[in-house]
Amino acid sequence: MGFNSAYTLSTVFVVDTAYEDSDNFAQDVPTSFTFLTMLGRVVSLFRSYVIMYVLMVFLLWNSNSQSVAALFVQAGGAYYNLQNVDPWDEVRDARKYDGNSPVVCHPPCQRWGKMWAGSPSVIAKTGVRKKKGDDAGCFQSALESVRRCGGVLEHPWGSHAWPHFGLKKPDRKGGWIKADDHGGWTCCVEQWRYGHYAPKPTMLYAVRCELPELDWGVYKVQDSDFPEWAMERYGREKCRKIGLLSFKGGGTDSTPRIHTPKPFRDILLRMAFSSANSD
């Protein structure tokens, strides 16, 4: 309020000195009338600045209160304890999200990937094969949330969800292309370039948000990238067939594989926030 007070005082000074050129001012106008007139102008001006100040505070609060919903994320993972980020893990069930905030979606990919039927060893033991796309409606829910609220969705390269839901397949080398007739855009980018231990090529689907220029390209896995114990146990050919991603995590703890590197997470969040700012 210091600025407003100083400005008010300067205004009073201008109003006061504006009449100094009139020799008959004091004679023509009663002193009480002059004082009340100036006081009224000061009060009016002060009231205007108070209104402007309140409006600015409201706009600032409103911009800071914009939030993003992180759907289908790991409990206690990379999207927790972040300002203006509302994480939805398995317990909250992101399929129930009905808000309007832009979203970052990480729907489960097990039933959409190249091993959608299950692990070959498990299938050999049990004879049970999973059904492709049987994810209890998670991907469809994520897709609907992105289209309704704006934001971005990610899934592994080669996901069968893309053709199943009519999304165009992006170039493996990178670059944004139009994905559908719902305002969606898609691309492929490697999470390795943002801190993941494996290349982990990932497809993005974005709606009504900024489309950043990412670190495009295709990394060719080297023999030296595999753990030494894996090369000794399985040999080069089998290691390459299994894939680098498989040598960390798995079983009851898939965290190393599905973990989103913070630099990559921040890119997805910025995209979603840009959708909020564009409304």
C-alpha atoms as a PDB file:
ATOM      1  CA  MET A   1       0.000   0.000   0.000  1.00  0.00           C
ATOM      2  CA  GLY A   2       3.050   2.273   0.210  1.00  0.00           C
ATOM      3  CA  PHE A   3       2.969   2.948  -3.523  1.00  0.00           C
ATOM      4  CA  ASN A   4      -0.730   3.738  -3.488  1.00  0.00           C
ATOM      5  CA  SER A   5      -0.337   6.109  -0.518  1.00  0.00           C
ATOM      6  CA  ALA A   6       2.528   7.969  -2.157  1.00  0.00           C
ATOM      7  CA  TYR A   7       0.584   8.256  -5.366  1.00  0.00           C
ATOM      8  CA  THR A   8      -2.449   9.566  -3.468  1.00  0.00           C
ATOM      9  CA  LEU A   9      -0.366  12.204  -1.705  1.00  0.00           C
ATOM     10  CA  SER A  10       1.135  13.353  -4.980  1.00  0.00           C
ATOM     11  CA  THR A  11      -2.355  13.570  -6.441  1.00  0.00           C
ATOM     12  CA  VAL A  12      -3.499  15.733  -3.529  1.00  0.00           C
ATOM     13  CA  PHE A  13      -0.496  17.964  -4.091  1.00  0.00           C
ATOM     14  CA  VAL A  14      -1.383  18.384  -7.744  1.00  0.00           C
ATOM     15  CA  VAL A  15      -5.012  19.142  -6.926  1.00  0.00           C
ATOM     16  CA  ASP A  16      -3.945  21.623  -4.251  1.00  0.00           C
ATOM     17  CA  THR A  17      -1.413  23.456  -6.373  1.00  0.00           C
ATOM     18  CA  ALA A  18      -3.696  23.537  -9.394  1.00  0.00           C
ATOM     19  CA  TYR A  19      -5.576  26.413  -7.822  1.00  0.00           C
ATOM     20  CA  GLU A  20      -2.550  28.460  -6.841  1.00  0.00           C
ATOM     21  CA  ASP A  21      -2.777  30.489 -10.021  1.00  0.00           C
ATOM     22  CA  SER A  22      -6.205  31.774  -9.019  1.00  0.00           C
ATOM     23  CA  ASP A  23      -5.885  34.885  -6.854  1.00  0.00           C
ATOM     24  CA  ASN A  24      -9.513  34.783  -5.910  1.00  0.00           C
ATOM     25  CA  PHE A  25      -9.761  31.058  -5.116  1.00  0.00           C
ATOM     26  CA  ALA A  26      -9.816  31.532  -1.336  1.00  0.00           C
ATOM     27  CA  GLN A  27     -12.363  34.330  -1.689  1.00  0.00           C
ATOM     28  CA  ASP A  28     -14.663  32.642  -4.201  1.00  0.00           C
ATOM     29  CA  VAL A  29     -14.811  29.155  -2.635  1.00  0.00           C
ATOM     30  CA  PRO A  30     -15.435  28.432   1.040  1.00  0.00           C
ATOM     31  CA  THR A  31     -12.552  26.702   2.794  1.00  0.00           C
ATOM     32  CA  SER A  32     -14.782  23.866   4.029  1.00  0.00           C
ATOM     33  CA  PHE A  33     -16.021  23.221   0.491  1.00  0.00           C
ATOM     34  CA  THR A  34     -12.447  23.099  -0.839  1.00  0.00           C
ATOM     35  CA  PHE A  35     -11.398  20.630   1.841  1.00  0.00           C
ATOM     36  CA  LEU A  36     -14.406  18.372   1.282  1.00  0.00           C
ATOM     37  CA  THR A  37     -13.880  18.430  -2.471  1.00  0.00           C
ATOM     38  CA  MET A  38     -10.252  17.370  -2.157  1.00  0.00           C
ATOM     39  CA  LEU A  39     -11.128  14.800   0.483  1.00  0.00           C
ATOM     40  CA  GLY A  40     -13.770  13.329  -1.796  1.00  0.00           C
ATOM     41  CA  ARG A  41     -11.274  13.076  -4.634  1.00  0.00           C
ATOM     42  CA  VAL A  42      -8.730  11.400  -2.371  1.00  0.00           C
ATOM     43  CA  VAL A  43     -11.287   8.896  -1.079  1.00  0.00           C
ATOM     44  CA  SER A  44     -12.470   8.146  -4.613  1.00  0.00           C
ATOM     45  CA  LEU A  45      -8.921   7.648  -5.846  1.00  0.00           C
ATOM     46  CA  PHE A  46      -8.035   5.521  -2.818  1.00  0.00           C
ATOM     47  CA  ARG A  47     -11.103   3.353  -3.397  1.00  0.00           C
ATOM     48  CA  SER A  48     -10.129   2.842  -7.047  1.00  0.00           C
ATOM     49  CA  TYR A  49      -6.660   1.651  -6.090  1.00  0.00           C
ATOM     50  CA  VAL A  50      -8.044  -0.673  -3.434  1.00  0.00           C
ATOM     51  CA  ILE A  51     -10.296  -2.263  -6.039  1.00  0.00           C
ATOM     52  CA  MET A  52      -7.351  -2.629  -8.435  1.00  0.00           C
ATOM     53  CA  TYR A  53      -5.218  -4.136  -5.679  1.00  0.00           C
ATOM     54  CA  VAL A  54      -7.889  -6.688  -4.740  1.00  0.00           C
ATOM     55  CA  LEU A  55      -8.350  -7.591  -8.401  1.00  0.00           C
ATOM     56  CA  MET A  56      -4.611  -8.129  -8.867  1.00  0.00           C
ATOM     57  CA  VAL A  57      -4.448 -10.335  -5.761  1.00  0.00           C
ATOM     58  CA  PHE A  58      -7.386 -12.371  -7.050  1.00  0.00           C
ATOM     59  CA  LEU A  59      -5.822 -12.849 -10.469  1.00  0.00           C
ATOM     60  CA  LEU A  60      -2.502 -13.842  -8.921  1.00  0.00           C
ATOM     61  CA  TRP A  61      -4.209 -16.309  -6.592  1.00  0.00           C
ATOM     62  CA  ASN A  62      -6.223 -17.725  -9.455  1.00  0.00           C
ATOM     63  CA  SER A  63      -3.127 -18.277 -11.627  1.00  0.00           C
ATOM     64  CA  ASN A  64      -1.270 -19.944  -8.752  1.00  0.00           C
ATOM     65  CA  SER A  65      -4.250 -22.154  -7.930  1.00  0.00           C
ATOM     66  CA  GLN A  66      -4.294 -23.824 -11.338  1.00  0.00           C
ATOM     67  CA  SER A  67      -3.550 -27.492 -10.882  1.00  0.00           C
ATOM     68  CA  VAL A  68      -2.811 -30.586 -12.909  1.00  0.00           C
ATOM     69  CA  ALA A  69      -4.158 -34.061 -12.203  1.00  0.00           C
ATOM     70  CA  ALA A  70      -1.574 -36.846 -12.539  1.00  0.00           C
ATOM     71  CA  LEU A  71      -3.608 -39.952 -13.370  1.00  0.00           C
ATOM     72  CA  PHE A  72      -2.635 -43.630 -13.081  1.00  0.00           C
ATOM     73  CA  VAL A  73       0.598 -42.881 -11.240  1.00  0.00           C
ATOM     74  CA  GLN A  74       2.574 -44.953  -8.762  1.00  0.00           C
ATOM     75  CA  ALA A  75       1.755 -44.347  -5.093  1.00  0.00           C
ATOM     76  CA  GLY A  76       4.461 -42.217  -3.512  1.00  0.00           C
ATOM     77  CA  GLY A  77       6.206 -41.833  -6.862  1.00  0.00           C
ATOM     78  CA  ALA A  78       7.512 -38.925  -8.914  1.00  0.00           C
ATOM     79  CA  TYR A  79       4.226 -36.983  -8.913  1.00  0.00           C
ATOM     80  CA  TYR A  80       3.801 -36.800  -5.161  1.00  0.00           C
ATOM     81  CA  ASN A  81       4.604 -33.795  -2.943  1.00  0.00           C
ATOM     82  CA  LEU A  82       4.546 -31.350  -5.855  1.00  0.00           C
ATOM     83  CA  GLN A  83       2.801 -27.978  -5.723  1.00  0.00           C
ATOM     84  CA  ASN A  84      -0.448 -27.814  -7.726  1.00  0.00           C
ATOM     85  CA  VAL A  85      -0.185 -31.484  -8.762  1.00  0.00           C
ATOM     86  CA  ASP A  86      -2.981 -33.839  -7.701  1.00  0.00           C
ATOM     87  CA  PRO A  87      -1.785 -37.477  -7.979  1.00  0.00           C
ATOM     88  CA  TRP A  88      -4.225 -40.334  -8.560  1.00  0.00           C
ATOM     89  CA  ASP A  89      -2.772 -43.757  -7.802  1.00  0.00           C
ATOM     90  CA  GLU A  90      -4.375 -47.201  -7.962  1.00  0.00           C
ATOM     91  CA  VAL A  91      -6.196 -46.748  -4.652  1.00  0.00           C
ATOM     92  CA  ARG A  92      -7.872 -43.482  -5.748  1.00  0.00           C
ATOM     93  CA  ASP A  93      -8.716 -45.106  -9.099  1.00  0.00           C
ATOM     94  CA  ALA A  94      -8.067 -42.537 -11.834  1.00  0.00           C
ATOM     95  CA  ARG A  95     -10.955 -43.939 -13.863  1.00  0.00           C
ATOM     96  CA  LYS A  96     -13.186 -41.994 -11.468  1.00  0.00           C
ATOM     97  CA  TYR A  97     -11.553 -38.657 -12.252  1.00  0.00           C
ATOM     98  CA  ASP A  98     -14.264 -36.224 -13.327  1.00  0.00           C
ATOM     99  CA  GLY A  99     -12.497 -32.914 -12.764  1.00  0.00           C
ATOM    100  CA  ASN A 100     -11.637 -30.213 -15.288  1.00  0.00           C
ATOM    101  CA  SER A 101      -7.939 -29.698 -14.536  1.00  0.00           C
ATOM    102  CA  PRO A 102      -5.510 -30.664 -17.321  1.00  0.00           C
ATOM    103  CA  VAL A 103      -4.017 -34.126 -16.918  1.00  0.00           C
ATOM    104  CA  VAL A 104      -0.822 -36.119 -17.249  1.00  0.00           C
ATOM    105  CA  CYS A 105      -1.792 -39.765 -17.771  1.00  0.00           C
ATOM    106  CA  HIS A 106       0.275 -42.923 -17.282  1.00  0.00           C
ATOM    107  CA  PRO A 107      -2.291 -45.700 -17.871  1.00  0.00           C
ATOM    108  CA  PRO A 108      -1.023 -49.262 -17.297  1.00  0.00           C
ATOM    109  CA  CYS A 109       0.518 -50.851 -20.367  1.00  0.00           C
ATOM    110  CA  GLN A 110       0.845 -54.560 -19.508  1.00  0.00           C
ATOM    111  CA  ARG A 111      -2.068 -55.692 -21.634  1.00  0.00           C
ATOM    112  CA  TRP A 112      -1.130 -53.425 -24.542  1.00  0.00           C
ATOM    113  CA  GLY A 113       2.594 -54.173 -24.944  1.00  0.00           C
ATOM    114  CA  LYS A 114       4.454 -56.813 -26.913  1.00  0.00           C
ATOM    115  CA  MET A 115       3.979 -59.256 -24.029  1.00  0.00           C
ATOM    116  CA  TRP A 116       0.291 -58.519 -23.566  1.00  0.00           C
ATOM    117  CA  ALA A 117      -0.466 -62.247 -23.218  1.00  0.00           C
ATOM    118  CA  GLY A 118       1.861 -62.533 -20.225  1.00  0.00           C
ATOM    119  CA  SER A 119       5.390 -63.722 -19.529  1.00  0.00           C
ATOM    120  CA  PRO A 120       6.352 -66.684 -21.753  1.00  0.00           C
ATOM    121  CA  SER A 121       7.617 -68.587 -18.729  1.00  0.00           C
ATOM    122  CA  VAL A 122       4.322 -68.049 -16.871  1.00  0.00           C
ATOM    123  CA  ILE A 123       2.291 -69.057 -19.923  1.00  0.00           C
ATOM    124  CA  ALA A 124       4.423 -72.226 -20.277  1.00  0.00           C
ATOM    125  CA  LYS A 125       3.785 -73.147 -16.634  1.00  0.00           C
ATOM    126  CA  THR A 126       0.096 -72.263 -16.403  1.00  0.00           C
ATOM    127  CA  GLY A 127      -1.125 -72.412 -19.968  1.00  0.00           C
ATOM    128  CA  VAL A 128      -3.013 -69.185 -19.284  1.00  0.00           C
ATOM    129  CA  ARG A 129      -2.823 -66.316 -21.739  1.00  0.00           C
ATOM    130  CA  LYS A 130      -4.071 -62.850 -20.947  1.00  0.00           C
ATOM    131  CA  LYS A 131      -6.451 -60.980 -23.230  1.00  0.00           C
ATOM    132  CA  LYS A 132      -5.064 -58.120 -25.304  1.00  0.00           C
ATOM    133  CA  GLY A 133      -6.300 -54.748 -24.119  1.00  0.00           C
ATOM    134  CA  ASP A 134      -7.882 -56.154 -20.957  1.00  0.00           C
ATOM    135  CA  ASP A 135      -6.917 -53.246 -18.681  1.00  0.00           C
ATOM    136  CA  ALA A 136     -10.329 -52.695 -17.064  1.00  0.00           C
ATOM    137  CA  GLY A 137     -10.902 -49.606 -19.183  1.00  0.00           C
ATOM    138  CA  CYS A 138      -7.874 -47.665 -17.933  1.00  0.00           C
ATOM    139  CA  PHE A 139      -6.502 -46.533 -21.296  1.00  0.00           C
ATOM    140  CA  GLN A 140      -9.914 -45.519 -22.598  1.00  0.00           C
ATOM    141  CA  SER A 141     -10.531 -43.508 -19.426  1.00  0.00           C
ATOM    142  CA  ALA A 142      -7.144 -41.783 -19.748  1.00  0.00           C
ATOM    143  CA  LEU A 143      -7.791 -40.975 -23.392  1.00  0.00           C
ATOM    144  CA  GLU A 144     -11.189 -39.473 -22.579  1.00  0.00           C
ATOM    145  CA  SER A 145      -9.683 -37.390 -19.759  1.00  0.00           C
ATOM    146  CA  VAL A 146      -6.987 -35.937 -22.032  1.00  0.00           C
ATOM    147  CA  ARG A 147      -9.507 -35.078 -24.718  1.00  0.00           C
ATOM    148  CA  ARG A 148     -11.901 -33.499 -22.227  1.00  0.00           C
ATOM    149  CA  CYS A 149      -9.434 -31.605 -20.044  1.00  0.00           C
ATOM    150  CA  GLY A 150      -6.325 -31.170 -22.190  1.00  0.00           C
ATOM    151  CA  GLY A 151      -2.886 -32.452 -21.302  1.00  0.00           C
ATOM    152  CA  VAL A 152      -0.750 -35.421 -22.258  1.00  0.00           C
ATOM    153  CA  LEU A 153      -0.813 -39.221 -22.103  1.00  0.00           C
ATOM    154  CA  GLU A 154       2.173 -41.574 -22.412  1.00  0.00           C
ATOM    155  CA  HIS A 155       2.492 -45.241 -23.413  1.00  0.00           C
ATOM    156  CA  PRO A 156       5.358 -47.474 -24.585  1.00  0.00           C
ATOM    157  CA  TRP A 157       6.456 -47.537 -28.194  1.00  0.00           C
ATOM    158  CA  GLY A 158       4.555 -50.261 -30.036  1.00  0.00           C
ATOM    159  CA  SER A 159       1.531 -50.057 -27.746  1.00  0.00           C
ATOM    160  CA  HIS A 160      -1.443 -51.812 -29.331  1.00  0.00           C
ATOM    161  CA  ALA A 161      -3.658 -49.142 -27.779  1.00  0.00           C
ATOM    162  CA  TRP A 162      -2.652 -46.681 -30.520  1.00  0.00           C
ATOM    163  CA  PRO A 163      -4.177 -48.605 -33.463  1.00  0.00           C
ATOM    164  CA  HIS A 164      -7.008 -49.939 -31.289  1.00  0.00           C
ATOM    165  CA  PHE A 165      -8.216 -46.399 -30.554  1.00  0.00           C
ATOM    166  CA  GLY A 166      -7.495 -45.054 -34.026  1.00  0.00           C
ATOM    167  CA  LEU A 167      -4.368 -43.032 -33.190  1.00  0.00           C
ATOM    168  CA  LYS A 168      -1.755 -42.578 -35.892  1.00  0.00           C
ATOM    169  CA  LYS A 169       1.627 -44.152 -35.237  1.00  0.00           C
ATOM    170  CA  PRO A 170       4.368 -41.517 -34.906  1.00  0.00           C
ATOM    171  CA  ASP A 171       7.854 -41.707 -36.377  1.00  0.00           C
ATOM    172  CA  ARG A 172      10.182 -43.723 -34.136  1.00  0.00           C
ATOM    173  CA  LYS A 173      12.887 -41.105 -34.732  1.00  0.00           C
ATOM    174  CA  GLY A 174      10.745 -38.360 -33.242  1.00  0.00           C
ATOM    175  CA  GLY A 175       8.701 -35.323 -34.236  1.00  0.00           C
ATOM    176  CA  TRP A 176       5.076 -34.371 -33.652  1.00  0.00           C
ATOM    177  CA  ILE A 177       2.352 -35.445 -36.073  1.00  0.00           C
ATOM    178  CA  LYS A 178      -1.420 -35.094 -36.028  1.00  0.00           C
ATOM    179  CA  ALA A 179      -2.850 -38.152 -34.262  1.00  0.00           C
ATOM    180  CA  ASP A 180      -6.602 -37.983 -34.862  1.00  0.00           C
ATOM    181  CA  ASP A 181      -9.587 -35.740 -35.493  1.00  0.00           C
ATOM    182  CA  HIS A 182      -9.974 -34.862 -31.804  1.00  0.00           C
ATOM    183  CA  GLY A 183      -7.233 -32.254 -31.707  1.00  0.00           C
ATOM    184  CA  GLY A 184      -4.606 -34.770 -30.637  1.00  0.00           C
ATOM    185  CA  TRP A 185      -0.908 -34.829 -31.555  1.00  0.00           C
ATOM    186  CA  THR A 186       1.539 -37.676 -31.080  1.00  0.00           C
ATOM    187  CA  CYS A 187       5.267 -38.359 -31.104  1.00  0.00           C
ATOM    188  CA  CYS A 188       7.868 -40.868 -29.949  1.00  0.00           C
ATOM    189  CA  VAL A 189      10.716 -39.925 -27.605  1.00  0.00           C
ATOM    190  CA  GLU A 190      13.226 -41.967 -25.596  1.00  0.00           C
ATOM    191  CA  GLN A 191      13.192 -41.587 -21.821  1.00  0.00           C
ATOM    192  CA  TRP A 192      16.861 -42.626 -21.781  1.00  0.00           C
ATOM    193  CA  ARG A 193      17.630 -39.096 -22.959  1.00  0.00           C
ATOM    194  CA  TYR A 194      16.077 -37.779 -19.742  1.00  0.00           C
ATOM    195  CA  GLY A 195      17.662 -40.110 -17.202  1.00  0.00           C
ATOM    196  CA  HIS A 196      16.169 -43.604 -17.578  1.00  0.00           C
ATOM    197  CA  TYR A 197      18.635 -46.525 -17.542  1.00  0.00           C
ATOM    198  CA  ALA A 198      17.218 -47.976 -20.789  1.00  0.00           C
ATOM    199  CA  PRO A 199      16.199 -46.255 -24.051  1.00  0.00           C
ATOM    200  CA  LYS A 200      12.516 -46.875 -23.242  1.00  0.00           C
ATOM    201  CA  PRO A 201      10.963 -45.308 -26.371  1.00  0.00           C
ATOM    202  CA  THR A 202       7.678 -43.711 -25.376  1.00  0.00           C
ATOM    203  CA  MET A 203       4.721 -42.442 -27.360  1.00  0.00           C
ATOM    204  CA  LEU A 204       2.964 -39.271 -26.265  1.00  0.00           C
ATOM    205  CA  TYR A 205      -0.553 -38.136 -27.078  1.00  0.00           C
ATOM    206  CA  ALA A 206      -1.219 -34.450 -26.397  1.00  0.00           C
ATOM    207  CA  VAL A 207      -4.326 -32.276 -26.657  1.00  0.00           C
ATOM    208  CA  ARG A 208      -4.614 -28.455 -26.392  1.00  0.00           C
ATOM    209  CA  CYS A 209      -1.145 -27.897 -24.987  1.00  0.00           C
ATOM    210  CA  GLU A 210       2.313 -26.812 -26.088  1.00  0.00           C
ATOM    211  CA  LEU A 211       4.214 -29.312 -28.225  1.00  0.00           C
ATOM    212  CA  PRO A 212       7.852 -28.955 -27.125  1.00  0.00           C
ATOM    213  CA  GLU A 213      10.864 -29.719 -29.251  1.00  0.00           C
ATOM    214  CA  LEU A 214      12.208 -32.805 -27.500  1.00  0.00           C
ATOM    215  CA  ASP A 215      15.529 -34.649 -27.642  1.00  0.00           C
ATOM    216  CA  TRP A 216      14.663 -36.800 -30.630  1.00  0.00           C
ATOM    217  CA  GLY A 217      16.604 -39.774 -31.940  1.00  0.00           C
ATOM    218  CA  VAL A 218      17.135 -43.528 -31.710  1.00  0.00           C
ATOM    219  CA  TYR A 219      19.792 -44.920 -29.390  1.00  0.00           C
ATOM    220  CA  LYS A 220      21.435 -48.164 -30.453  1.00  0.00           C
ATOM    221  CA  VAL A 221      21.995 -50.327 -27.393  1.00  0.00           C
ATOM    222  CA  GLN A 222      25.592 -51.468 -26.978  1.00  0.00           C
ATOM    223  CA  ASP A 223      26.786 -54.751 -25.459  1.00  0.00           C
ATOM    224  CA  SER A 224      28.454 -52.715 -22.730  1.00  0.00           C
ATOM    225  CA  ASP A 225      25.050 -51.365 -21.666  1.00  0.00           C
ATOM    226  CA  PHE A 226      24.013 -54.771 -20.315  1.00  0.00           C
ATOM    227  CA  PRO A 227      24.971 -55.796 -16.781  1.00  0.00           C
ATOM    228  CA  GLU A 228      28.103 -57.938 -16.747  1.00  0.00           C
ATOM    229  CA  TRP A 229      26.362 -60.692 -14.804  1.00  0.00           C
ATOM    230  CA  ALA A 230      23.591 -60.854 -17.430  1.00  0.00           C
ATOM    231  CA  MET A 231      26.040 -61.235 -20.320  1.00  0.00           C
ATOM    232  CA  GLU A 232      27.875 -64.001 -18.448  1.00  0.00           C
ATOM    233  CA  ARG A 233      24.674 -65.831 -17.539  1.00  0.00           C
ATOM    234  CA  TYR A 234      22.616 -65.465 -20.712  1.00  0.00           C
ATOM    235  CA  GLY A 235      25.070 -64.516 -23.424  1.00  0.00           C
ATOM    236  CA  ARG A 236      24.921 -61.686 -25.914  1.00  0.00           C
ATOM    237  CA  GLU A 237      22.172 -63.041 -28.165  1.00  0.00           C
ATOM    238  CA  LYS A 238      19.685 -63.771 -25.392  1.00  0.00           C
ATOM    239  CA  CYS A 239      20.411 -60.487 -23.623  1.00  0.00           C
ATOM    240  CA  ARG A 240      19.590 -58.549 -26.752  1.00  0.00           C
ATOM    241  CA  LYS A 241      16.464 -60.617 -27.306  1.00  0.00           C
ATOM    242  CA  ILE A 242      15.268 -60.010 -23.750  1.00  0.00           C
ATOM    243  CA  GLY A 243      16.087 -56.308 -23.943  1.00  0.00           C
ATOM    244  CA  LEU A 244      17.935 -53.938 -21.648  1.00  0.00           C
ATOM    245  CA  LEU A 245      14.760 -52.814 -19.887  1.00  0.00           C
ATOM    246  CA  SER A 246      14.224 -56.308 -18.446  1.00  0.00           C
ATOM    247  CA  PHE A 247      17.372 -56.424 -16.350  1.00  0.00           C
ATOM    248  CA  LYS A 248      16.131 -54.136 -13.598  1.00  0.00           C
ATOM    249  CA  GLY A 249      12.981 -54.582 -11.553  1.00  0.00           C
ATOM    250  CA  GLY A 250      10.266 -57.033 -12.434  1.00  0.00           C
ATOM    251  CA  GLY A 251       8.435 -59.550 -10.306  1.00  0.00           C
ATOM    252  CA  THR A 252       6.857 -57.764  -7.355  1.00  0.00           C
ATOM    253  CA  ASP A 253       8.826 -54.537  -7.901  1.00  0.00           C
ATOM    254  CA  SER A 254       8.632 -52.957 -11.331  1.00  0.00           C
ATOM    255  CA  THR A 255       9.590 -49.485 -10.051  1.00  0.00           C
ATOM    256  CA  PRO A 256      12.922 -49.219 -11.935  1.00  0.00           C
ATOM    257  CA  ARG A 257      11.188 -50.020 -15.212  1.00  0.00           C
ATOM    258  CA  ILE A 258       8.102 -47.861 -14.901  1.00  0.00           C
ATOM    259  CA  HIS A 259       9.723 -44.992 -12.999  1.00  0.00           C
ATOM    260  CA  THR A 260       9.440 -41.636 -14.792  1.00  0.00           C
ATOM    261  CA  PRO A 261      12.702 -39.639 -14.652  1.00  0.00           C
ATOM    262  CA  LYS A 262      12.150 -36.231 -13.064  1.00  0.00           C
ATOM    263  CA  PRO A 263      13.344 -34.249 -16.132  1.00  0.00           C
ATOM    264  CA  PHE A 264      10.849 -36.159 -18.287  1.00  0.00           C
ATOM    265  CA  ARG A 265       8.115 -35.764 -15.684  1.00  0.00           C
ATOM    266  CA  ASP A 266       8.722 -32.016 -15.633  1.00  0.00           C
ATOM    267  CA  ILE A 267       8.312 -31.819 -19.405  1.00  0.00           C
ATOM    268  CA  LEU A 268       4.952 -33.593 -19.208  1.00  0.00           C
ATOM    269  CA  LEU A 269       3.811 -31.319 -16.383  1.00  0.00           C
ATOM    270  CA  ARG A 270       4.822 -28.184 -18.288  1.00  0.00           C
ATOM    271  CA  MET A 271       2.791 -29.405 -21.234  1.00  0.00           C
ATOM    272  CA  ALA A 272      -0.246 -29.927 -19.026  1.00  0.00           C
ATOM    273  CA  PHE A 273       0.147 -26.557 -17.283  1.00  0.00           C
ATOM    274  CA  SER A 274       0.381 -24.892 -20.680  1.00  0.00           C
ATOM    275  CA  SER A 275      -3.037 -26.314 -21.412  1.00  0.00           C
ATOM    276  CA  ALA A 276      -4.366 -24.709 -18.218  1.00  0.00           C
ATOM    277  CA  ASN A 277      -2.872 -21.335 -19.152  1.00  0.00           C
ATOM    278  CA  SER A 278      -4.356 -21.436 -22.642  1.00  0.00           C
ATOM    279  CA  ASP A 279      -7.952 -21.653 -21.377  1.00  0.00           C
END
